[in-house]
Amino acid sequence: MDDEPAENISGGASGGGAFAPFEPGDAHTRAEAVVDRLGELYWQKTYGGQQAFECLVRTVLSQNTSDKASQPAHDSLMARYGGGALAATLADADQAELAETISSAGLYNQKSETIIRLAQRVVDEYGGADGFDRFVKDEDPETVRGALLDMKGVGPKTADCVLLFSGGRDGVFPVDTHVHRIARRLGIAPPDADHEAVREHLERDVPAEKCGFGHTAMIQFGREYCTARNPACLDDPDACPMGDLCDQVGVYPEAGEVVDPSEGVDG
């Protein structure tokens, strides 16, 4: 049974930014046409505005788990540690106590160690959460991304989520497992592309102002229609609203089989 919530939390009310009209225009690439179609299905909003260190913590909590598991962990963490200077408080937190607080997120020992280490670095290098927030929102995006990736425990998807949901940066298309699967299955990224290669293709082919929305909407589409093991088209080719834009790489309705897109093309 799918344990994901009905709405992608990162793109919902807590995702930062403000709701705004979505203007599809004339698509110049198939990837842009995909995002425009998703715009007809899901919410339309701009991104940015989350406090950068809290966004970093939220994204670390979400690693290798669902929003259903990570959101309660985030809420518990904020209830226990969020009354004042969050980074300074977490930098001095007892690791066992923090691990217990975020246990619903899974991998809680590893994640608690990562959060404390990140908090200490934010305090040491930026003077705390406010200084880190200014850095994320004001500095050149590539400089910010490089600094984030230099932090142990922060990978490309986490760095890009901070750039998008805190910095509100255009042209950032974070790639999680949903986006990685769907972009290759649709045929808008090579079937053997890793997460970084998918990101490069999407950021190249989707206009900068549509990347953030494309990320959150593609996640929602992956939960509602294009799941990993039972995509809507497997049983009914007309059940998927993206059918005319999809190459169905790795999906074989005649045989009732679904494989990773990298296994779904001839070598």
Protein backbone atom coordinates (compact mmCIF):
# COMPACT_ATOMS: atom_id res chain seq x y z
CA MET A 1 0.00 0.00 0.00
CA ASP A 2 1.30 3.46 -0.92
CA ASP A 3 2.14 5.33 2.27
CA GLU A 4 2.65 8.71 0.63
CA PRO A 5 0.28 11.55 1.59
CA ALA A 6 -2.19 12.91 -0.95
CA GLU A 7 -0.27 16.17 -1.36
CA ASN A 8 3.43 16.78 -1.81
CA ILE A 9 4.31 18.61 1.41
CA SER A 10 7.24 20.50 -0.11
CA GLY A 11 4.88 22.06 -2.62
CA GLY A 12 1.91 22.53 -0.31
CA ALA A 13 1.13 25.28 2.15
CA SER A 14 4.42 24.73 4.00
CA GLY A 15 6.50 24.85 0.82
CA GLY A 16 7.13 28.57 0.87
CA GLY A 17 6.33 31.03 -1.86
CA ALA A 18 2.91 32.23 -2.92
CA PHE A 19 0.18 30.94 -5.18
CA ALA A 20 0.27 32.58 -8.59
CA PRO A 21 -1.18 32.11 -12.08
CA PHE A 22 0.67 29.61 -14.24
CA GLU A 23 1.22 30.76 -17.83
CA PRO A 24 2.02 27.76 -20.05
CA GLY A 25 2.66 29.65 -23.32
CA ASP A 26 4.07 27.82 -26.34
CA ALA A 27 6.33 24.93 -25.38
CA HIS A 28 9.66 24.82 -27.18
CA THR A 29 10.73 21.37 -25.93
CA ARG A 30 8.87 18.20 -25.03
CA ALA A 31 10.04 18.59 -21.43
CA GLU A 32 8.41 22.01 -21.30
CA ALA A 33 5.23 20.55 -22.83
CA VAL A 34 5.22 17.96 -20.02
CA VAL A 35 5.50 20.67 -17.36
CA ASP A 36 2.77 22.70 -19.05
CA ARG A 37 0.46 19.69 -19.02
CA LEU A 38 1.23 19.14 -15.36
CA GLY A 39 0.22 22.76 -14.87
CA GLU A 40 -3.28 21.82 -15.95
CA LEU A 41 -3.44 19.12 -13.27
CA TYR A 42 -1.89 20.55 -10.12
CA TRP A 43 -1.45 23.68 -8.06
CA GLN A 44 0.31 26.73 -9.43
CA LYS A 45 2.65 28.72 -7.23
CA THR A 46 5.96 30.46 -6.97
CA TYR A 47 8.65 29.17 -4.61
CA GLY A 48 10.99 30.58 -2.01
CA GLY A 49 10.65 32.03 1.45
CA GLN A 50 11.40 29.11 3.74
CA GLN A 51 14.03 29.84 6.37
CA ALA A 52 17.17 28.28 4.91
CA PHE A 53 18.45 26.28 7.87
CA GLU A 54 15.00 24.91 8.70
CA CYS A 55 14.61 23.99 5.02
CA LEU A 56 17.95 22.18 5.18
CA VAL A 57 16.86 20.27 8.28
CA ARG A 58 13.48 19.43 6.73
CA THR A 59 15.15 18.04 3.63
CA VAL A 60 17.64 15.96 5.60
CA LEU A 61 14.70 14.47 7.50
CA SER A 62 13.02 13.60 4.20
CA GLN A 63 15.98 11.63 2.87
CA ASN A 64 15.12 7.97 2.16
CA THR A 65 11.62 8.27 3.58
CA SER A 66 8.17 9.60 2.74
CA ASP A 67 6.57 12.92 3.66
CA LYS A 68 4.18 10.93 5.83
CA ALA A 69 7.13 9.87 7.99
CA SER A 70 9.29 12.98 7.79
CA GLN A 71 6.64 15.61 8.50
CA PRO A 72 5.88 14.39 12.05
CA ALA A 73 9.63 14.25 12.72
CA HIS A 74 9.99 17.84 11.55
CA ASP A 75 7.06 18.94 13.70
CA SER A 76 8.49 17.19 16.76
CA LEU A 77 11.92 18.71 16.18
CA MET A 78 10.50 22.22 15.88
CA ALA A 79 8.34 21.75 18.97
CA ARG A 80 11.38 20.73 21.06
CA TYR A 81 14.15 22.88 19.58
CA GLY A 82 12.49 25.66 17.59
CA GLY A 83 11.71 28.18 20.29
CA GLY A 84 14.75 30.37 19.68
CA ALA A 85 17.96 30.25 17.65
CA LEU A 86 17.39 26.93 15.89
CA ALA A 87 20.92 26.37 14.57
CA ALA A 88 22.60 27.25 17.87
CA THR A 89 20.16 25.09 19.82
CA LEU A 90 20.67 22.08 17.54
CA ALA A 91 24.45 22.59 17.52
CA ASP A 92 24.41 21.90 21.28
CA ALA A 93 21.70 19.23 21.20
CA ASP A 94 22.15 15.84 22.81
CA GLN A 95 22.37 13.39 19.89
CA ALA A 96 20.39 10.62 21.59
CA GLU A 97 17.61 13.02 22.53
CA LEU A 98 17.45 14.43 19.01
CA ALA A 99 17.41 10.92 17.55
CA GLU A 100 14.43 10.03 19.74
CA THR A 101 12.66 13.22 18.69
CA ILE A 102 12.96 12.50 14.96
CA SER A 103 12.55 8.72 15.15
CA SER A 104 9.50 8.68 12.85
CA ALA A 105 11.71 9.77 9.93
CA GLY A 106 13.80 6.58 9.96
CA LEU A 107 17.61 6.43 9.99
CA TYR A 108 17.27 8.66 13.05
CA ASN A 109 20.74 8.04 14.46
CA GLN A 110 22.40 8.99 11.18
CA LYS A 111 20.10 11.94 10.59
CA SER A 112 20.50 13.30 14.12
CA GLU A 113 24.28 13.21 13.75
CA THR A 114 24.00 14.98 10.39
CA ILE A 115 21.69 17.69 11.72
CA ILE A 116 23.95 18.44 14.69
CA ARG A 117 27.01 18.55 12.44
CA LEU A 118 25.25 20.88 9.96
CA ALA A 119 24.05 23.12 12.78
CA GLN A 120 27.57 23.42 14.15
CA ARG A 121 28.89 24.34 10.70
CA VAL A 122 26.16 26.92 10.14
CA VAL A 123 26.96 28.52 13.50
CA ASP A 124 30.72 28.44 12.91
CA GLU A 125 30.72 29.67 9.29
CA TYR A 126 27.63 31.90 9.09
CA GLY A 127 27.06 32.98 12.67
CA GLY A 128 23.78 31.13 12.89
CA ALA A 129 20.57 30.57 10.98
CA ASP A 130 20.04 34.23 10.02
CA GLY A 131 23.47 34.53 8.42
CA PHE A 132 22.98 31.24 6.60
CA ASP A 133 19.59 32.44 5.37
CA ARG A 134 21.15 35.59 3.89
CA PHE A 135 23.87 33.53 2.23
CA VAL A 136 21.39 31.15 0.58
CA LYS A 137 19.10 33.93 -0.64
CA ASP A 138 21.65 36.56 -1.69
CA GLU A 139 24.74 34.79 -3.02
CA ASP A 140 25.26 33.42 -6.52
CA PRO A 141 23.31 30.12 -6.83
CA GLU A 142 26.34 28.13 -7.96
CA THR A 143 28.31 29.43 -4.97
CA VAL A 144 25.49 28.41 -2.64
CA ARG A 145 25.13 25.00 -4.26
CA GLY A 146 28.87 24.38 -3.99
CA ALA A 147 28.90 25.34 -0.32
CA LEU A 148 25.95 23.09 0.42
CA LEU A 149 27.47 20.14 -1.41
CA ASP A 150 30.64 20.61 0.63
CA MET A 151 28.65 19.83 3.77
CA LYS A 152 28.77 16.16 4.76
CA GLY A 153 25.31 14.68 4.51
CA VAL A 154 24.09 17.09 1.82
CA GLY A 155 23.65 15.69 -1.67
CA PRO A 156 22.49 17.33 -4.91
CA LYS A 157 18.76 16.91 -4.24
CA THR A 158 19.05 18.39 -0.74
CA ALA A 159 21.12 21.32 -2.01
CA ASP A 160 18.68 22.01 -4.83
CA CYS A 161 15.68 21.87 -2.49
CA VAL A 162 17.29 24.53 -0.28
CA LEU A 163 17.98 26.69 -3.35
CA LEU A 164 14.38 26.31 -4.51
CA PHE A 165 12.26 26.36 -1.37
CA SER A 166 14.36 28.83 0.59
CA GLY A 167 16.14 30.85 -2.08
CA GLY A 168 13.30 30.79 -4.61
CA ARG A 169 15.88 30.39 -7.36
CA ASP A 170 14.64 29.95 -10.90
CA GLY A 171 16.24 27.24 -13.01
CA VAL A 172 16.57 24.74 -10.15
CA PHE A 173 14.90 21.35 -10.76
CA PRO A 174 15.60 19.02 -7.80
CA VAL A 175 15.59 15.35 -8.78
CA ASP A 176 14.21 12.84 -6.30
CA THR A 177 13.26 9.23 -7.00
CA HIS A 178 9.92 10.23 -8.57
CA VAL A 179 11.45 12.80 -10.93
CA HIS A 180 14.30 10.45 -11.81
CA ARG A 181 11.89 7.65 -12.75
CA ILE A 182 9.30 9.76 -14.56
CA ALA A 183 11.67 11.86 -16.68
CA ARG A 184 13.30 8.70 -18.04
CA ARG A 185 10.01 6.84 -18.42
CA LEU A 186 8.50 9.75 -20.36
CA GLY A 187 11.59 9.91 -22.56
CA ILE A 188 12.57 13.49 -21.72
CA ALA A 189 15.86 12.27 -20.23
CA PRO A 190 18.05 9.35 -21.35
CA PRO A 191 16.93 5.99 -19.90
CA ASP A 192 20.34 5.36 -18.33
CA ALA A 193 20.75 8.88 -16.88
CA ASP A 194 21.65 9.14 -13.21
CA HIS A 195 20.04 11.78 -11.00
CA GLU A 196 22.52 14.51 -11.95
CA ALA A 197 22.16 13.82 -15.67
CA VAL A 198 18.36 13.99 -15.38
CA ARG A 199 18.71 17.33 -13.58
CA GLU A 200 20.96 18.67 -16.34
CA HIS A 201 18.49 17.67 -19.06
CA LEU A 202 15.50 19.13 -17.25
CA GLU A 203 17.22 22.41 -16.36
CA ARG A 204 18.33 22.69 -19.98
CA ASP A 205 14.93 21.95 -21.53
CA VAL A 206 12.49 23.54 -19.07
CA PRO A 207 12.35 27.35 -18.78
CA ALA A 208 13.90 28.59 -15.56
CA GLU A 209 10.66 30.00 -14.18
CA LYS A 210 8.91 26.62 -14.60
CA CYS A 211 11.54 24.37 -12.99
CA GLY A 212 10.35 24.67 -9.41
CA PHE A 213 6.78 23.98 -10.30
CA GLY A 214 7.86 21.14 -12.58
CA HIS A 215 9.64 19.49 -9.66
CA THR A 216 6.70 19.52 -7.24
CA ALA A 217 4.10 18.70 -9.91
CA MET A 218 6.11 15.78 -11.26
CA ILE A 219 6.31 14.34 -7.75
CA GLN A 220 2.55 14.64 -7.41
CA PHE A 221 2.05 13.02 -10.82
CA GLY A 222 4.33 10.17 -9.76
CA ARG A 223 2.23 9.51 -6.70
CA GLU A 224 -1.15 9.77 -8.40
CA TYR A 225 -0.55 8.24 -11.84
CA CYS A 226 3.01 7.16 -12.61
CA THR A 227 3.94 4.99 -9.63
CA ALA A 228 7.04 2.85 -9.70
CA ARG A 229 5.36 -0.54 -9.97
CA ASN A 230 1.83 0.15 -11.19
CA PRO A 231 1.59 3.18 -13.51
CA ALA A 232 -1.93 4.04 -14.65
CA CYS A 233 -1.17 3.13 -18.27
CA LEU A 234 -0.33 -0.46 -17.35
CA ASP A 235 -4.01 -1.40 -17.12
CA ASP A 236 -5.62 1.36 -19.20
CA PRO A 237 -3.70 3.34 -21.83
CA ASP A 238 -6.26 6.15 -21.59
CA ALA A 239 -6.03 6.48 -17.80
CA CYS A 240 -2.93 8.68 -17.83
CA PRO A 241 -3.26 12.38 -18.71
CA MET A 242 0.32 12.39 -20.03
CA GLY A 243 -0.15 9.45 -22.40
CA ASP A 244 0.31 11.37 -25.64
CA LEU A 245 3.58 12.87 -24.35
CA CYS A 246 5.05 9.67 -22.92
CA ASP A 247 7.40 7.11 -24.50
CA GLN A 248 6.49 4.51 -21.84
CA VAL A 249 10.14 3.50 -21.50
CA GLY A 250 10.24 0.32 -19.45
CA VAL A 251 6.44 -0.08 -19.31
CA TYR A 252 4.93 -3.00 -21.23
CA PRO A 253 1.11 -3.01 -20.97
CA GLU A 254 0.77 -6.05 -23.25
CA ALA A 255 2.88 -8.15 -20.88
CA GLY A 256 1.77 -6.36 -17.73
CA GLU A 257 5.42 -5.66 -16.86
CA VAL A 258 7.29 -2.63 -15.56
CA VAL A 259 11.09 -2.36 -15.37
CA ASP A 260 13.51 0.45 -14.68
CA PRO A 261 13.77 2.67 -17.78
CA SER A 262 17.47 1.80 -18.09
CA GLU A 263 16.38 -1.80 -18.70
CA GLY A 264 13.58 -0.84 -21.04
CA VAL A 265 15.56 -0.02 -24.17
CA ASP A 266 17.81 -2.06 -26.38
CA GLY A 267 21.49 -1.61 -25.63
